[in-house]
Amino acid sequence: MAVNTDEEHSEHSAPIESENPPEAIIPHNTIEPINPNQETKNMEVHHHAHHGHEKKTWKNYFWEFFMLFLAVFCGSIAELQLEHYIENKREKQYIVDFIRDLKSDITSIQRSIKGFQKKEQNIDSLLQVSNLDLSKSENSRKFVLYFLGTTGRPTHNPNTSALTQIKSSGSLRLFGHRKGVADSILRYDSWNQLIINHNDVIAQTMNGSFEALYPIFDVKIFRDSSYVDFFKKTMTKKQTPQLRLSQEKIDILLGHETRHGLACIVNRNYLENQLKNATNLIQFLEKEYHLE
């Protein structure tokens, strides 16, 4: 019976905890499953991290060189395009300025041609009146009046501002890609130089005529407004002093006036030719550069 008592006691007694309790049980739904793909990616990351230390192949160097070359090449093309644009703009501006000077030349040439035509008429009249009796006051007065009409220089001085700038800056090369432009400009410039040089001939022949007149006539009256309006080439009704007649001296004067008249004809012919050049050149350039 004592044994049974003990069994009864053991059945109803509290359970005795173990000295080493088991670990806490983790619920099934909180455990993260191991993903094999994620592990592979992690391994790849570690693997790729070592690529920077790998030796470059010739392909790597080739592509680096190619990209550098491409960048430099594109930069050069852009710079050339910009330079081309600027030069085209300068070229057109030079042409606009040159055409402006040509139009100014046309006005000046037309005025100069009229001046030379009138000058030639007075020289011809002077030569004709010299055949008359110059001792008569009427003929003597005409002689002085016609000589007065031969004075002055209706010369044309070309407007070369644009041409000078084009030549001094070496910009004629800008027109090289357009056929005939540079040649036409240079040809016009050569005619300008011819006219400028011949202006000196006009001055020399006119001075020669004055020198020949001194022994024949008292030229002081040309400064006396009671006799003469020198700029308008007119005379008042006041009687002029008599000529100091000497056939030899008159012949010398007429010789100078003849040479003077011939120089005027040559200069006028140059001007008429240059007038055509200027007119044609304006038409050509306006068409070539679409400035019409």
Protein backbone atom coordinates (compact mmCIF):
# COMPACT_ATOMS: atom_id res chain seq x y z
CA MET A 1 0.00 0.00 0.00
CA ALA A 2 2.87 2.29 0.68
CA VAL A 3 3.96 1.87 -2.91
CA ASN A 4 0.64 2.96 -4.21
CA THR A 5 0.76 5.99 -2.15
CA ASP A 6 3.97 6.97 -3.73
CA GLU A 7 2.57 6.48 -7.23
CA GLU A 8 -0.41 8.58 -6.36
CA HIS A 9 1.84 11.26 -5.15
CA SER A 10 3.88 11.25 -8.28
CA GLU A 11 0.84 11.48 -10.54
CA HIS A 12 -0.61 14.55 -8.84
CA SER A 13 2.63 16.39 -8.18
CA ALA A 14 3.71 19.47 -10.32
CA PRO A 15 6.05 18.76 -13.21
CA ILE A 16 9.69 19.38 -12.51
CA GLU A 17 11.47 21.79 -15.01
CA SER A 18 14.66 20.63 -16.62
CA GLU A 19 17.90 22.30 -15.56
CA ASN A 20 18.71 22.92 -19.24
CA PRO A 21 15.46 24.16 -20.88
CA PRO A 22 15.20 23.67 -24.67
CA GLU A 23 15.54 26.65 -27.00
CA ALA A 24 12.47 28.70 -27.77
CA ILE A 25 10.49 27.31 -30.62
CA ILE A 26 10.31 29.75 -33.57
CA PRO A 27 7.03 29.82 -35.43
CA HIS A 28 7.17 28.32 -38.88
CA ASN A 29 5.86 31.39 -40.66
CA THR A 30 8.75 33.66 -39.43
CA ILE A 31 11.54 31.66 -41.01
CA GLU A 32 12.86 33.22 -44.27
CA PRO A 33 13.59 30.66 -46.93
CA ILE A 34 17.03 30.67 -48.47
CA ASN A 35 16.87 31.94 -52.11
CA PRO A 36 19.57 30.27 -54.24
CA ASN A 37 19.29 33.00 -56.93
CA GLN A 38 19.97 35.77 -54.41
CA GLU A 39 23.02 33.93 -53.23
CA THR A 40 24.19 33.65 -56.84
CA LYS A 41 23.73 37.41 -57.39
CA ASN A 42 25.68 38.18 -54.27
CA MET A 43 28.45 36.00 -55.53
CA GLU A 44 28.35 37.80 -58.88
CA VAL A 45 28.63 41.16 -57.18
CA HIS A 46 31.69 40.03 -55.35
CA HIS A 47 33.01 38.54 -58.54
CA HIS A 48 32.46 41.75 -60.58
CA ALA A 49 34.01 43.91 -57.96
CA HIS A 50 37.36 42.60 -59.04
CA HIS A 51 36.94 43.65 -62.73
CA GLY A 52 38.57 47.10 -62.22
CA HIS A 53 41.78 45.35 -61.51
CA GLU A 54 41.72 43.34 -64.69
CA LYS A 55 44.12 44.17 -67.54
CA LYS A 56 42.61 46.20 -70.48
CA THR A 57 42.49 44.53 -73.84
CA TRP A 58 43.27 46.20 -77.18
CA LYS A 59 39.55 46.57 -77.77
CA ASN A 60 39.23 48.74 -74.66
CA TYR A 61 42.06 51.00 -75.86
CA PHE A 62 40.62 51.11 -79.37
CA TRP A 63 37.21 52.28 -78.23
CA GLU A 64 38.70 54.87 -75.87
CA PHE A 65 40.86 56.20 -78.71
CA PHE A 66 37.93 56.15 -81.12
CA MET A 67 35.67 58.12 -78.77
CA LEU A 68 38.43 60.67 -78.15
CA PHE A 69 39.09 60.98 -81.86
CA LEU A 70 35.38 61.38 -82.56
CA ALA A 71 35.08 64.17 -79.98
CA VAL A 72 38.05 66.06 -81.43
CA PHE A 73 36.83 65.54 -84.98
CA CYS A 74 33.32 66.80 -84.22
CA GLY A 75 34.80 69.81 -82.43
CA SER A 76 36.96 70.61 -85.46
CA ILE A 77 33.99 70.32 -87.80
CA ALA A 78 31.96 72.67 -85.62
CA GLU A 79 34.83 75.16 -85.52
CA LEU A 80 35.23 75.02 -89.31
CA GLN A 81 31.51 75.53 -89.80
CA LEU A 82 31.58 78.56 -87.52
CA GLU A 83 34.61 79.99 -89.34
CA HIS A 84 32.91 79.36 -92.69
CA TYR A 85 29.78 81.16 -91.50
CA ILE A 86 31.78 84.16 -90.27
CA GLU A 87 33.78 84.40 -93.52
CA ASN A 88 30.63 84.19 -95.63
CA LYS A 89 29.12 87.00 -93.60
CA ARG A 90 32.28 89.12 -94.02
CA GLU A 91 32.39 88.38 -97.74
CA LYS A 92 28.82 89.56 -98.26
CA GLN A 93 29.39 92.70 -96.18
CA TYR A 94 32.46 93.57 -98.26
CA ILE A 95 30.37 93.23 -101.42
CA VAL A 96 27.59 95.41 -99.99
CA ASP A 97 30.15 98.09 -99.08
CA PHE A 98 31.84 97.81 -102.47
CA ILE A 99 28.53 98.21 -104.32
CA ARG A 100 27.83 101.30 -102.22
CA ASP A 101 31.17 102.74 -103.38
CA LEU A 102 30.37 101.82 -106.99
CA LYS A 103 27.11 103.75 -106.84
CA SER A 104 28.97 106.71 -105.39
CA ASP A 105 31.50 106.42 -108.23
CA ILE A 106 28.73 106.44 -110.84
CA THR A 107 27.38 109.74 -109.53
CA SER A 108 30.88 111.26 -109.45
CA ILE A 109 31.79 109.95 -112.93
CA GLN A 110 28.63 111.29 -114.51
CA ARG A 111 29.29 114.72 -113.02
CA SER A 112 32.92 114.61 -114.15
CA ILE A 113 32.02 113.63 -117.72
CA LYS A 114 29.69 116.62 -118.01
CA GLY A 115 32.43 118.85 -116.62
CA PHE A 116 34.95 117.63 -119.20
CA GLN A 117 32.46 118.01 -122.05
CA LYS A 118 31.93 121.66 -121.11
CA LYS A 119 35.67 122.15 -120.70
CA GLU A 120 36.32 120.73 -124.17
CA GLN A 121 33.69 123.02 -125.68
CA ASN A 122 35.43 126.07 -124.17
CA ILE A 123 38.83 124.91 -125.49
CA ASP A 124 37.36 124.49 -128.97
CA SER A 125 35.76 127.95 -128.75
CA LEU A 126 39.06 129.45 -127.59
CA LEU A 127 40.89 127.93 -130.56
CA GLN A 128 38.25 129.28 -132.95
CA VAL A 129 38.14 132.83 -131.53
CA SER A 130 41.92 133.01 -131.74
CA ASN A 131 41.52 133.17 -135.53
CA LEU A 132 39.60 136.44 -135.16
CA ASP A 133 41.00 139.94 -134.78
CA LEU A 134 41.90 139.93 -131.07
CA SER A 135 42.61 143.63 -131.10
CA LYS A 136 38.87 144.21 -131.03
CA SER A 137 37.50 144.38 -127.47
CA GLU A 138 34.58 142.05 -128.25
CA ASN A 139 36.87 139.30 -129.52
CA SER A 140 39.37 139.92 -126.73
CA ARG A 141 36.58 139.54 -124.16
CA LYS A 142 35.45 136.26 -125.70
CA PHE A 143 39.04 135.03 -125.67
CA VAL A 144 39.32 135.68 -121.91
CA LEU A 145 35.86 134.21 -121.23
CA TYR A 146 36.60 130.98 -123.09
CA PHE A 147 39.95 130.62 -121.39
CA LEU A 148 38.19 131.07 -118.05
CA GLY A 149 35.94 128.16 -119.05
CA THR A 150 38.96 125.91 -119.57
CA THR A 151 40.15 126.33 -115.98
CA GLY A 152 39.21 124.02 -113.15
CA ARG A 153 39.50 120.26 -112.96
CA PRO A 154 36.26 118.28 -113.07
CA THR A 155 38.25 115.15 -112.28
CA HIS A 156 36.78 112.03 -110.74
CA ASN A 157 38.37 110.72 -107.55
CA PRO A 158 37.21 107.11 -107.01
CA ASN A 159 35.71 106.06 -103.70
CA THR A 160 38.10 103.29 -102.68
CA SER A 161 37.21 102.79 -99.00
CA ALA A 162 35.84 99.25 -99.44
CA LEU A 163 38.50 98.28 -101.99
CA THR A 164 41.29 99.49 -99.73
CA GLN A 165 39.92 97.49 -96.81
CA ILE A 166 39.52 94.36 -98.93
CA LYS A 167 43.09 94.53 -100.25
CA SER A 168 44.78 95.58 -97.01
CA SER A 169 43.11 92.80 -95.02
CA GLY A 170 43.93 90.13 -97.61
CA SER A 171 40.22 89.43 -98.04
CA LEU A 172 40.34 88.93 -101.80
CA ARG A 173 40.73 85.23 -101.01
CA LEU A 174 37.14 85.24 -99.71
CA PHE A 175 35.88 85.68 -103.27
CA GLY A 176 37.95 82.85 -104.73
CA HIS A 177 35.07 80.36 -104.70
CA ARG A 178 32.92 82.63 -106.91
CA LYS A 179 33.99 82.73 -110.54
CA GLY A 180 34.86 86.15 -111.87
CA VAL A 181 34.27 88.16 -108.69
CA ALA A 182 37.87 88.78 -107.64
CA ASP A 183 38.98 89.37 -111.25
CA SER A 184 36.20 91.91 -111.83
CA ILE A 185 37.07 93.79 -108.65
CA LEU A 186 40.77 93.91 -109.55
CA ARG A 187 40.00 95.01 -113.12
CA TYR A 188 37.86 97.85 -111.83
CA ASP A 189 40.60 98.84 -109.42
CA SER A 190 43.17 98.96 -112.23
CA TRP A 191 40.95 101.38 -114.16
CA ASN A 192 40.65 103.50 -111.02
CA GLN A 193 44.42 103.74 -110.84
CA LEU A 194 44.58 104.71 -114.51
CA ILE A 195 42.10 107.53 -113.97
CA ILE A 196 43.87 108.77 -110.84
CA ASN A 197 47.20 108.86 -112.67
CA HIS A 198 45.68 110.69 -115.63
CA ASN A 199 44.22 113.32 -113.31
CA ASP A 200 47.80 114.47 -112.83
CA VAL A 201 48.14 114.89 -116.62
CA ILE A 202 45.07 117.16 -116.60
CA ALA A 203 46.63 119.26 -113.85
CA GLN A 204 49.95 119.52 -115.72
CA THR A 205 48.39 120.61 -119.03
CA MET A 206 46.16 123.17 -117.34
CA ASN A 207 49.14 124.62 -115.48
CA GLY A 208 50.98 124.81 -118.80
CA SER A 209 48.13 126.86 -120.30
CA PHE A 210 48.22 129.29 -117.39
CA GLU A 211 51.95 129.70 -117.76
CA ALA A 212 51.48 130.53 -121.46
CA LEU A 213 48.73 133.05 -120.70
CA TYR A 214 50.79 135.16 -118.29
CA PRO A 215 52.69 137.10 -121.01
CA ILE A 216 49.44 137.74 -122.93
CA PHE A 217 46.90 138.72 -120.31
CA ASP A 218 46.73 140.24 -116.84
CA VAL A 219 45.37 137.23 -114.93
CA LYS A 220 44.96 139.26 -111.74
CA ILE A 221 41.41 140.05 -112.80
CA PHE A 222 40.46 136.41 -112.12
CA ARG A 223 40.60 137.34 -108.45
CA ASP A 224 38.61 140.53 -108.95
CA SER A 225 34.90 139.89 -108.55
CA SER A 226 34.10 143.09 -110.38
CA TYR A 227 35.36 141.33 -113.51
CA VAL A 228 34.97 137.62 -112.89
CA ASP A 229 33.14 135.00 -110.83
CA PHE A 230 35.92 132.44 -111.02
CA PHE A 231 33.92 129.54 -109.53
CA LYS A 232 30.92 130.04 -111.80
CA LYS A 233 33.24 130.74 -114.75
CA THR A 234 31.31 133.90 -115.68
CA MET A 235 32.29 137.51 -116.34
CA THR A 236 30.59 140.79 -115.55
CA LYS A 237 29.96 143.47 -118.18
CA LYS A 238 32.97 145.37 -117.03
CA GLN A 239 35.46 145.78 -119.85
CA THR A 240 38.50 143.53 -119.51
CA PRO A 241 42.05 144.76 -120.12
CA GLN A 242 43.32 144.46 -123.67
CA LEU A 243 45.43 141.48 -124.65
CA ARG A 244 49.14 141.96 -125.16
CA LEU A 245 49.17 140.66 -128.65
CA SER A 246 52.06 138.59 -129.89
CA GLN A 247 51.34 135.91 -132.47
CA GLU A 248 54.22 133.80 -131.24
CA LYS A 249 53.01 133.90 -127.64
CA ILE A 250 49.44 133.28 -128.69
CA ASP A 251 50.56 130.28 -130.72
CA ILE A 252 52.37 128.92 -127.65
CA LEU A 253 49.19 129.36 -125.59
CA LEU A 254 47.09 127.66 -128.27
CA GLY A 255 49.58 124.80 -128.36
CA HIS A 256 49.16 124.26 -124.60
CA GLU A 257 45.38 124.49 -124.91
CA THR A 258 45.38 121.92 -127.71
CA ARG A 259 47.35 119.53 -125.50
CA HIS A 260 45.04 120.34 -122.61
CA GLY A 261 42.00 119.56 -124.76
CA LEU A 262 43.44 116.22 -125.89
CA ALA A 263 44.15 115.25 -122.27
CA CYS A 264 40.53 116.08 -121.40
CA ILE A 265 39.28 113.83 -124.22
CA VAL A 266 41.44 110.93 -123.02
CA ASN A 267 40.28 111.39 -119.43
CA ARG A 268 36.63 111.55 -120.48
CA ASN A 269 37.04 108.32 -122.46
CA TYR A 270 38.50 106.64 -119.38
CA LEU A 271 35.55 107.87 -117.36
CA GLU A 272 32.96 106.69 -119.87
CA ASN A 273 34.57 103.26 -119.89
CA GLN A 274 34.66 103.13 -116.10
CA LEU A 275 31.01 104.19 -115.95
CA LYS A 276 30.12 101.09 -117.97
CA ASN A 277 32.39 98.97 -115.75
CA ALA A 278 30.72 100.21 -112.58
CA THR A 279 27.20 99.70 -113.93
CA ASN A 280 27.93 96.18 -115.18
CA LEU A 281 29.79 95.25 -112.00
CA ILE A 282 26.88 96.28 -109.80
CA GLN A 283 24.51 94.13 -111.85
CA PHE A 284 26.90 91.18 -111.75
CA LEU A 285 27.52 91.35 -107.98
CA GLU A 286 23.89 91.89 -107.05
CA LYS A 287 22.95 88.82 -109.09
CA GLU A 288 25.84 86.73 -107.77
CA TYR A 289 25.08 87.54 -104.12
CA HIS A 290 21.29 87.73 -104.47
CA LEU A 291 21.15 91.40 -103.48
CA GLU A 292 18.61 92.45 -106.06
